[in-house]
Structure formats: C-alpha cells, structure tokens
C-alpha cells in the first residue's frame, strides 16, 4: 500500500504548503504559532536563536493573540447588539 512517507510519492503528488503563524492563531494553536513565528524569524534574519530572540518572538505572538481575542470579543458584542 503506498503512503506519503515515500519521498518519491511526496515529490510527485503531495500538496506542500508553508503554514504561517497566523494560520495557527486562527485555529487556536498559540504554541504552534510561537514556534512557526520563531522559525520564520530565524530563517529571515539568519541569526542564531538566543533566549532573548525567543522571548521577543513569544511576546510578539502573545500580543497578536491578545489583539485577535479582543477583536473577536468586539465582533461578538456587535453581533449580540444587532440581534436585540
């Protein structure tokens, strides 16, 4: 039975996408979002990962989570007020 751990099948038939941290935030996965954000910054900056850079990335993603939650709560309030 064929499966997608076969590199030849992967190269020919698999749909390979890079998921950004916003995808994980939308789907309620903040820990994956932090990891994706950190790796993306590491690849862009070509710097070594340091404790300080990881902490900065964590704060940035948590800030995005806070903005997202606040926005969703505001939308819920608007929808609830329109139903009345």
C-alpha atoms as a PDB file:
ATOM      1  CA  UNK A   1       0.000   0.000   0.000  1.00  0.00           C
ATOM      2  CA  UNK A   2       1.514   3.372  -0.978  1.00  0.00           C
ATOM      3  CA  UNK A   3       1.884   6.032   1.687  1.00  0.00           C
ATOM      4  CA  UNK A   4       3.248   9.551   1.891  1.00  0.00           C
ATOM      5  CA  UNK A   5       6.397   8.750   3.817  1.00  0.00           C
ATOM      6  CA  UNK A   6       7.788   7.713   0.438  1.00  0.00           C
ATOM      7  CA  UNK A   7       9.863  10.674  -0.830  1.00  0.00           C
ATOM      8  CA  UNK A   8       9.084   9.891  -4.486  1.00  0.00           C
ATOM      9  CA  UNK A   9       5.324   9.985  -3.886  1.00  0.00           C
ATOM     10  CA  UNK A  10       5.681  13.163  -1.840  1.00  0.00           C
ATOM     11  CA  UNK A  11       7.545  14.960  -4.600  1.00  0.00           C
ATOM     12  CA  UNK A  12       5.009  13.962  -7.259  1.00  0.00           C
ATOM     13  CA  UNK A  13       1.617  14.075  -5.568  1.00  0.00           C
ATOM     14  CA  UNK A  14       1.694  15.823  -2.195  1.00  0.00           C
ATOM     15  CA  UNK A  15       0.459  19.367  -1.714  1.00  0.00           C
ATOM     16  CA  UNK A  16       3.223  21.034   0.269  1.00  0.00           C
ATOM     17  CA  UNK A  17       2.449  24.345   1.910  1.00  0.00           C
ATOM     18  CA  UNK A  18       4.206  26.502   4.443  1.00  0.00           C
ATOM     19  CA  UNK A  19       1.848  27.440   7.247  1.00  0.00           C
ATOM     20  CA  UNK A  20       2.423  30.845   8.793  1.00  0.00           C
ATOM     21  CA  UNK A  21       1.882  31.681  12.436  1.00  0.00           C
ATOM     22  CA  UNK A  22      -1.415  33.418  11.614  1.00  0.00           C
ATOM     23  CA  UNK A  23      -2.861  30.071  10.484  1.00  0.00           C
ATOM     24  CA  UNK A  24      -2.134  28.576  13.898  1.00  0.00           C
ATOM     25  CA  UNK A  25      -3.567  31.612  15.689  1.00  0.00           C
ATOM     26  CA  UNK A  26      -6.807  31.360  13.721  1.00  0.00           C
ATOM     27  CA  UNK A  27      -7.091  27.707  14.683  1.00  0.00           C
ATOM     28  CA  UNK A  28      -6.396  28.262  18.379  1.00  0.00           C
ATOM     29  CA  UNK A  29      -2.858  26.867  18.489  1.00  0.00           C
ATOM     30  CA  UNK A  30      -0.717  29.553  20.170  1.00  0.00           C
ATOM     31  CA  UNK A  31       2.202  27.234  20.976  1.00  0.00           C
ATOM     32  CA  UNK A  32       2.489  26.209  17.315  1.00  0.00           C
ATOM     33  CA  UNK A  33       2.178  29.873  16.357  1.00  0.00           C
ATOM     34  CA  UNK A  34       5.123  30.792  18.577  1.00  0.00           C
ATOM     35  CA  UNK A  35       7.201  28.009  17.063  1.00  0.00           C
ATOM     36  CA  UNK A  36       6.300  28.974  13.471  1.00  0.00           C
ATOM     37  CA  UNK A  37       6.954  32.659  14.162  1.00  0.00           C
ATOM     38  CA  UNK A  38      10.328  31.918  15.769  1.00  0.00           C
ATOM     39  CA  UNK A  39      11.458  29.663  12.937  1.00  0.00           C
ATOM     40  CA  UNK A  40      10.319  32.182  10.304  1.00  0.00           C
ATOM     41  CA  UNK A  41      12.291  34.955  12.015  1.00  0.00           C
ATOM     42  CA  UNK A  42      15.300  32.685  12.342  1.00  0.00           C
ATOM     43  CA  UNK A  43      15.247  31.945   8.610  1.00  0.00           C
ATOM     44  CA  UNK A  44      14.757  35.602   7.659  1.00  0.00           C
ATOM     45  CA  UNK A  45      17.426  37.029   9.924  1.00  0.00           C
ATOM     46  CA  UNK A  46      19.931  34.164   9.616  1.00  0.00           C
ATOM     47  CA  UNK A  47      20.874  34.714  13.237  1.00  0.00           C
ATOM     48  CA  UNK A  48      21.383  32.127  15.879  1.00  0.00           C
ATOM     49  CA  UNK A  49      18.451  31.514  18.147  1.00  0.00           C
ATOM     50  CA  UNK A  50      19.063  33.110  21.511  1.00  0.00           C
ATOM     51  CA  UNK A  51      16.960  33.173  24.626  1.00  0.00           C
ATOM     52  CA  UNK A  52      16.339  36.876  24.075  1.00  0.00           C
ATOM     53  CA  UNK A  53      15.125  36.408  20.469  1.00  0.00           C
ATOM     54  CA  UNK A  54      12.803  33.565  21.501  1.00  0.00           C
ATOM     55  CA  UNK A  55      11.405  35.672  24.347  1.00  0.00           C
ATOM     56  CA  UNK A  56      10.842  38.564  21.950  1.00  0.00           C
ATOM     57  CA  UNK A  57       9.049  36.270  19.491  1.00  0.00           C
ATOM     58  CA  UNK A  58       6.897  34.860  22.271  1.00  0.00           C
ATOM     59  CA  UNK A  59       5.872  38.347  23.368  1.00  0.00           C
ATOM     60  CA  UNK A  60       5.094  39.312  19.753  1.00  0.00           C
ATOM     61  CA  UNK A  61       2.877  36.277  19.178  1.00  0.00           C
ATOM     62  CA  UNK A  62       1.117  36.704  22.515  1.00  0.00           C
ATOM     63  CA  UNK A  63       0.439  40.319  21.583  1.00  0.00           C
ATOM     64  CA  UNK A  64      -1.100  39.098  18.299  1.00  0.00           C
ATOM     65  CA  UNK A  65      -3.209  36.616  20.287  1.00  0.00           C
ATOM     66  CA  UNK A  66      -4.410  39.420  22.552  1.00  0.00           C
ATOM     67  CA  UNK A  67      -5.362  41.582  19.566  1.00  0.00           C
ATOM     68  CA  UNK A  68      -7.150  38.654  17.928  1.00  0.00           C
ATOM     69  CA  UNK A  69      -9.131  37.795  21.067  1.00  0.00           C
ATOM     70  CA  UNK A  70     -10.047  41.449  21.604  1.00  0.00           C
ATOM     71  CA  UNK A  71     -11.217  41.749  18.001  1.00  0.00           C
ATOM     72  CA  UNK A  72     -13.338  38.593  18.268  1.00  0.00           C
ATOM     73  CA  UNK A  73     -14.916  39.808  21.518  1.00  0.00           C
ATOM     74  CA  UNK A  74     -15.757  43.149  19.876  1.00  0.00           C
ATOM     75  CA  UNK A  75     -17.357  41.342  16.937  1.00  0.00           C
ATOM     76  CA  UNK A  76     -19.379  39.170  19.309  1.00  0.00           C
ATOM     77  CA  UNK A  77     -20.617  42.285  21.114  1.00  0.00           C
ATOM     78  CA  UNK A  78     -21.627  43.934  17.826  1.00  0.00           C
ATOM     79  CA  UNK A  79     -23.459  40.828  16.636  1.00  0.00           C
ATOM     80  CA  UNK A  80     -25.213  40.445  20.016  1.00  0.00           C
ATOM     81  CA  UNK A  81     -26.339  44.091  19.979  1.00  0.00           C
ATOM     82  CA  UNK A  82     -27.718  43.737  16.457  1.00  0.00           C
ATOM     83  CA  UNK A  83     -29.802  40.714  17.485  1.00  0.00           C
ATOM     84  CA  UNK A  84     -31.636  42.765  20.112  1.00  0.00           C
END
